[in-house]
Amino acid sequence: MELLKYAFWSAASVFVLHYLTKKRLMDGKSVVDDVIEKTPKIVKEVNTLSRNIKMDYQQTVGLY
């Protein structure tokens, strides 16, 4: 039974990896390529959000 479970998870991971790396015919990019392109923008937004949260917290603590 354990062997069947490992075979299932192995096959599922192969199909997921194939889906994520398969190039689209429309633009020649994959899902992984899209994530790599969008990562710097997401990191910048997270840094901005964290700075805003820290500033709001410091202002709130300063009032009390």
N, C-alpha and C. Protein backbone atom coordinates (compact mmCIF):
# COMPACT_ATOMS: atom_id res chain seq x y z
N MET A 1 0.82 -1.18 0.00
CA MET A 1 0.00 0.00 0.00
C MET A 1 0.87 1.26 0.00
N GLU A 2 1.96 1.23 0.74
CA GLU A 2 2.87 2.38 0.78
C GLU A 2 3.47 2.64 -0.59
N LEU A 3 3.79 1.60 -1.31
CA LEU A 3 4.38 1.76 -2.64
C LEU A 3 3.38 2.43 -3.58
N LEU A 4 2.12 2.07 -3.46
CA LEU A 4 1.09 2.69 -4.29
C LEU A 4 0.94 4.17 -3.96
N LYS A 5 1.03 4.51 -2.68
CA LYS A 5 0.94 5.90 -2.27
C LYS A 5 2.11 6.71 -2.84
N TYR A 6 3.31 6.17 -2.76
CA TYR A 6 4.48 6.87 -3.30
C TYR A 6 4.40 7.01 -4.81
N ALA A 7 3.89 5.99 -5.48
CA ALA A 7 3.73 6.06 -6.93
C ALA A 7 2.73 7.14 -7.31
N PHE A 8 1.64 7.24 -6.55
CA PHE A 8 0.64 8.26 -6.83
C PHE A 8 1.21 9.66 -6.65
N TRP A 9 1.89 9.91 -5.52
CA TRP A 9 2.45 11.24 -5.27
C TRP A 9 3.55 11.58 -6.26
N SER A 10 4.30 10.60 -6.67
CA SER A 10 5.35 10.85 -7.67
C SER A 10 4.74 11.25 -9.00
N ALA A 11 3.73 10.52 -9.43
CA ALA A 11 3.07 10.85 -10.69
C ALA A 11 2.41 12.22 -10.62
N ALA A 12 1.77 12.53 -9.50
CA ALA A 12 1.12 13.83 -9.35
C ALA A 12 2.15 14.95 -9.39
N SER A 13 3.28 14.77 -8.74
CA SER A 13 4.30 15.83 -8.74
C SER A 13 4.89 16.02 -10.14
N VAL A 14 5.04 14.94 -10.89
CA VAL A 14 5.55 15.06 -12.26
C VAL A 14 4.57 15.85 -13.12
N PHE A 15 3.28 15.57 -13.00
CA PHE A 15 2.29 16.29 -13.79
C PHE A 15 2.21 17.77 -13.40
N VAL A 16 2.32 18.07 -12.11
CA VAL A 16 2.31 19.47 -11.67
C VAL A 16 3.54 20.20 -12.19
N LEU A 17 4.69 19.58 -12.10
CA LEU A 17 5.92 20.19 -12.62
C LEU A 17 5.82 20.43 -14.12
N HIS A 18 5.25 19.47 -14.83
CA HIS A 18 5.07 19.62 -16.28
C HIS A 18 4.12 20.78 -16.58
N TYR A 19 3.04 20.90 -15.81
CA TYR A 19 2.09 22.00 -16.02
C TYR A 19 2.74 23.35 -15.76
N LEU A 20 3.52 23.45 -14.69
CA LEU A 20 4.13 24.73 -14.33
C LEU A 20 5.21 25.17 -15.31
N THR A 21 5.86 24.23 -15.97
CA THR A 21 6.96 24.58 -16.86
C THR A 21 6.60 24.51 -18.34
N LYS A 22 5.37 24.12 -18.65
CA LYS A 22 4.96 24.02 -20.05
C LYS A 22 4.78 25.42 -20.64
N LYS A 23 5.37 25.64 -21.79
CA LYS A 23 5.29 26.94 -22.46
C LYS A 23 3.95 27.09 -23.17
N ARG A 24 3.34 28.27 -23.05
CA ARG A 24 2.09 28.54 -23.75
C ARG A 24 2.40 28.87 -25.20
N LEU A 25 1.50 28.49 -26.09
CA LEU A 25 1.68 28.78 -27.51
C LEU A 25 1.50 30.26 -27.80
N MET A 26 0.66 30.91 -27.02
CA MET A 26 0.32 32.31 -27.27
C MET A 26 1.53 33.23 -27.11
N ASP A 27 2.27 33.08 -26.00
CA ASP A 27 3.38 33.99 -25.76
C ASP A 27 4.70 33.29 -25.48
N GLY A 28 4.73 31.98 -25.44
CA GLY A 28 5.98 31.25 -25.24
C GLY A 28 6.52 31.30 -23.83
N LYS A 29 5.67 31.61 -22.87
CA LYS A 29 6.09 31.68 -21.47
C LYS A 29 5.33 30.64 -20.65
N SER A 30 5.90 30.29 -19.51
CA SER A 30 5.24 29.34 -18.62
C SER A 30 4.79 30.05 -17.35
N VAL A 31 4.12 29.31 -16.48
CA VAL A 31 3.66 29.87 -15.22
C VAL A 31 4.86 30.28 -14.37
N VAL A 32 5.91 29.49 -14.40
CA VAL A 32 7.12 29.80 -13.64
C VAL A 32 7.74 31.10 -14.16
N ASP A 33 7.75 31.29 -15.47
CA ASP A 33 8.27 32.54 -16.03
C ASP A 33 7.47 33.74 -15.56
N ASP A 34 6.15 33.59 -15.49
CA ASP A 34 5.30 34.68 -15.01
C ASP A 34 5.61 35.04 -13.56
N VAL A 35 5.79 34.03 -12.73
CA VAL A 35 6.09 34.26 -11.32
C VAL A 35 7.44 34.94 -11.17
N ILE A 36 8.42 34.51 -11.94
CA ILE A 36 9.76 35.11 -11.87
C ILE A 36 9.71 36.58 -12.28
N GLU A 37 8.92 36.91 -13.29
CA GLU A 37 8.81 38.30 -13.74
C GLU A 37 8.11 39.18 -12.71
N LYS A 38 7.12 38.64 -12.00
CA LYS A 38 6.32 39.45 -11.08
C LYS A 38 6.93 39.54 -9.68
N THR A 39 7.94 38.74 -9.39
CA THR A 39 8.51 38.70 -8.05
C THR A 39 9.07 40.04 -7.58
N PRO A 40 9.86 40.77 -8.38
CA PRO A 40 10.38 42.06 -7.88
C PRO A 40 9.27 43.05 -7.52
N LYS A 41 8.21 43.08 -8.30
CA LYS A 41 7.09 43.98 -8.01
C LYS A 41 6.41 43.59 -6.71
N ILE A 42 6.21 42.31 -6.48
CA ILE A 42 5.57 41.84 -5.27
C ILE A 42 6.43 42.14 -4.05
N VAL A 43 7.74 41.94 -4.17
CA VAL A 43 8.66 42.22 -3.07
C VAL A 43 8.63 43.71 -2.73
N LYS A 44 8.61 44.55 -3.74
CA LYS A 44 8.56 46.00 -3.51
C LYS A 44 7.26 46.39 -2.80
N GLU A 45 6.14 45.80 -3.20
CA GLU A 45 4.87 46.11 -2.56
C GLU A 45 4.85 45.65 -1.11
N VAL A 46 5.42 44.49 -0.84
CA VAL A 46 5.47 43.98 0.53
C VAL A 46 6.34 44.87 1.40
N ASN A 47 7.47 45.32 0.88
CA ASN A 47 8.34 46.21 1.64
C ASN A 47 7.65 47.54 1.94
N THR A 48 6.95 48.08 0.97
CA THR A 48 6.21 49.32 1.17
C THR A 48 5.12 49.14 2.23
N LEU A 49 4.41 48.04 2.14
CA LEU A 49 3.36 47.76 3.11
C LEU A 49 3.93 47.59 4.51
N SER A 50 5.05 46.91 4.63
CA SER A 50 5.64 46.72 5.97
C SER A 50 6.13 48.05 6.55
N ARG A 51 6.70 48.91 5.70
CA ARG A 51 7.12 50.23 6.18
C ARG A 51 5.92 51.04 6.67
N ASN A 52 4.82 50.98 5.93
CA ASN A 52 3.61 51.71 6.32
C ASN A 52 3.05 51.18 7.64
N ILE A 53 3.06 49.86 7.82
CA ILE A 53 2.56 49.27 9.06
C ILE A 53 3.44 49.68 10.23
N LYS A 54 4.75 49.65 10.05
CA LYS A 54 5.67 50.06 11.13
C LYS A 54 5.46 51.53 11.48
N MET A 55 5.31 52.38 10.48
CA MET A 55 5.12 53.80 10.73
C MET A 55 3.79 54.04 11.47
N ASP A 56 2.72 53.36 11.04
CA ASP A 56 1.43 53.51 11.71
C ASP A 56 1.50 53.04 13.16
N TYR A 57 2.20 51.94 13.39
CA TYR A 57 2.34 51.41 14.75
C TYR A 57 3.11 52.39 15.63
N GLN A 58 4.21 52.94 15.09
CA GLN A 58 5.00 53.87 15.88
C GLN A 58 4.22 55.14 16.19
N GLN A 59 3.43 55.61 15.25
CA GLN A 59 2.62 56.80 15.49
C GLN A 59 1.54 56.52 16.54
N THR A 60 0.94 55.33 16.48
CA THR A 60 -0.10 54.97 17.44
C THR A 60 0.49 54.83 18.84
N VAL A 61 1.64 54.17 18.95
CA VAL A 61 2.29 54.00 20.24
C VAL A 61 2.73 55.34 20.80
N GLY A 62 3.15 56.23 19.95
CA GLY A 62 3.59 57.55 20.38
C GLY A 62 2.46 58.40 20.96
N LEU A 63 1.25 58.13 20.54
CA LEU A 63 0.11 58.90 21.04
C LEU A 63 -0.28 58.49 22.45
N TYR A 64 0.04 57.27 22.84
CA TYR A 64 -0.40 56.77 24.16
C TYR A 64 0.72 56.71 25.07
